[in-house]
Protein backbone atom coordinates (compact mmCIF):
# COMPACT_ATOMS: atom_id res chain seq x y z
CA MET A 1 63.14 186.25 -61.34
CA ARG A 2 65.91 183.73 -60.87
CA ARG A 3 69.34 184.90 -59.78
CA THR A 4 72.59 183.93 -61.42
CA ALA A 5 75.11 181.76 -59.61
CA LYS A 6 77.34 184.82 -59.27
CA GLU A 7 74.57 186.79 -57.53
CA VAL A 8 73.87 183.93 -55.14
CA ALA A 9 77.57 183.52 -54.34
CA LYS A 10 77.85 187.26 -53.64
CA ALA A 11 74.90 187.18 -51.22
CA LYS A 12 76.34 184.14 -49.41
CA ALA A 13 79.77 185.77 -49.12
CA LYS A 14 78.23 188.93 -47.64
CA ALA A 15 76.27 186.89 -45.11
CA ARG A 16 79.32 184.88 -44.04
CA ALA A 17 81.30 188.10 -43.64
CA ASP A 18 78.56 189.44 -41.33
CA LYS A 19 78.76 186.40 -39.03
CA ASP A 20 78.76 188.39 -35.78
CA GLU A 21 75.81 190.53 -36.85
CA ILE A 22 73.82 187.46 -37.92
CA ILE A 23 74.46 185.74 -34.59
CA LYS A 24 73.40 188.91 -32.76
CA MET A 25 70.21 189.12 -34.85
CA TYR A 26 69.33 185.53 -33.97
CA VAL A 27 70.38 185.27 -30.31
CA GLN A 28 69.86 188.79 -28.92
CA ARG A 29 67.23 190.31 -31.18
CA GLN A 30 65.28 187.03 -31.54
CA TRP A 31 64.91 187.21 -35.34
CA SER A 32 63.79 183.97 -36.94
CA ILE A 33 66.05 182.06 -39.31
CA HIS A 34 63.67 182.90 -42.16
CA GLU A 35 63.75 186.63 -41.33
CA ILE A 36 67.55 186.68 -41.37
CA ALA A 37 67.67 184.66 -44.59
CA GLY A 38 65.26 187.12 -46.19
CA ALA A 39 67.32 190.11 -45.05
CA TYR A 40 70.46 188.62 -46.62
CA ALA A 41 68.69 187.14 -49.67
CA ILE A 42 69.99 183.63 -48.96
CA HIS A 43 68.26 180.31 -48.40
CA HIS A 44 67.51 179.48 -44.76
CA THR A 45 69.26 176.10 -45.02
CA TRP A 46 72.58 177.90 -45.44
CA LEU A 47 71.99 179.65 -42.12
CA ILE A 48 71.20 176.38 -40.38
CA ALA A 49 74.41 174.81 -41.69
CA TRP A 50 76.47 177.86 -40.69
CA PHE A 51 74.89 177.95 -37.23
CA ARG A 52 76.05 174.38 -36.69
CA GLU A 53 79.52 175.33 -37.91
CA TRP A 54 79.60 178.46 -35.71
CA GLY A 55 78.30 176.70 -32.58
CA VAL A 56 74.95 178.52 -32.46
CA THR A 57 72.20 176.51 -30.79
CA THR A 58 68.75 176.84 -32.29
CA GLY A 59 65.31 176.29 -30.87
CA SER A 60 63.90 177.77 -27.68
CA GLN A 61 67.34 178.04 -26.01
CA ARG A 62 69.23 180.27 -28.45
CA SER A 63 72.88 180.64 -27.53
CA VAL A 64 76.43 180.41 -28.82
CA LYS A 65 78.63 177.58 -27.61
CA ALA A 66 82.36 178.06 -27.22
CA PRO A 67 84.28 176.42 -30.04
CA ALA A 68 85.56 172.94 -29.21
CA GLN A 69 89.26 172.57 -28.59
CA ARG A 70 90.95 170.28 -31.10
């Protein structure tokens, strides 16, 4: 069953609010991007975009980079 735009927006907002938990799931607990996306009912491409924004490195060397000074 397809979700409404409102339902999708609500799921995305919840996931963004849980930023620290999502990073912990990925870096420390070694969950895959697809597992996290499934847990939050969002598309995995949103996670990839947010990881770039948040400074999370993906691949075999999972880590969080310090934010760049502007």
